[in-house]
Amino acid sequence: MWLYYIYDLLTAPGVAMHELGHAFFCLTAGVRVYKVKLFQFGKTAGYVEHEEPDNFFQGFLISIGPLIVNTLFTLFAFAKFHFTVDDWRPWVWLYFGVAVGLHAIPSDGDDKALLALANRRVFKNPLVILGYPFILILYIGFILKKLHIDWLLVFVLFWLGNIYLKK
């Protein structure tokens, strides 16, 4: 049980960045934010309370905000890393890259909120049907995260950031 607390504590910057991704896209989409909790111990590591989006596109942006923000930050952090023993700063970039990258995949709550929004909007705008495959992809991502495939995502981002963005 205490291993979960250590993991949560070590990856807390990723949770904070995840929630800031939601908050940023709320503000970008014009959706009012009521409360932001960047980190806490427990089942829900963080959350953003906001008003109901006016349309499906706003809800979609808010749901995938962490995927965009965390992925971009992780790529940047890994691009700053280089193996050295005489300087500690690259290792800090590696740590933040891993911690943030592990929380790039939208959570179950993000998926459920987007699905509920789509179900409420589908009769008002039948084009919302086009969003269901994306919701399915988000659900698959969450299921794979439960199988710790998020570590594979971090490895791929490390490879992309450290090999291709460094040049």
Foldseek 3Di string as FASTA:
>chain_A
DVVVVVLQVLLLLQQLQLQVLLVVLCVVQVWAWDDWASADDDPRGIHTDTDDRPALVSLVSSQQSLLVRLLVLLLQLLLQADDDDPDCVNVVSVSNSLSNLLNNQGEPVSLVSSVVRLVVCCVVPVVSVVVVVVSVVSVVSNVVVVVVCSVVVSVVSSCCSHPPVND
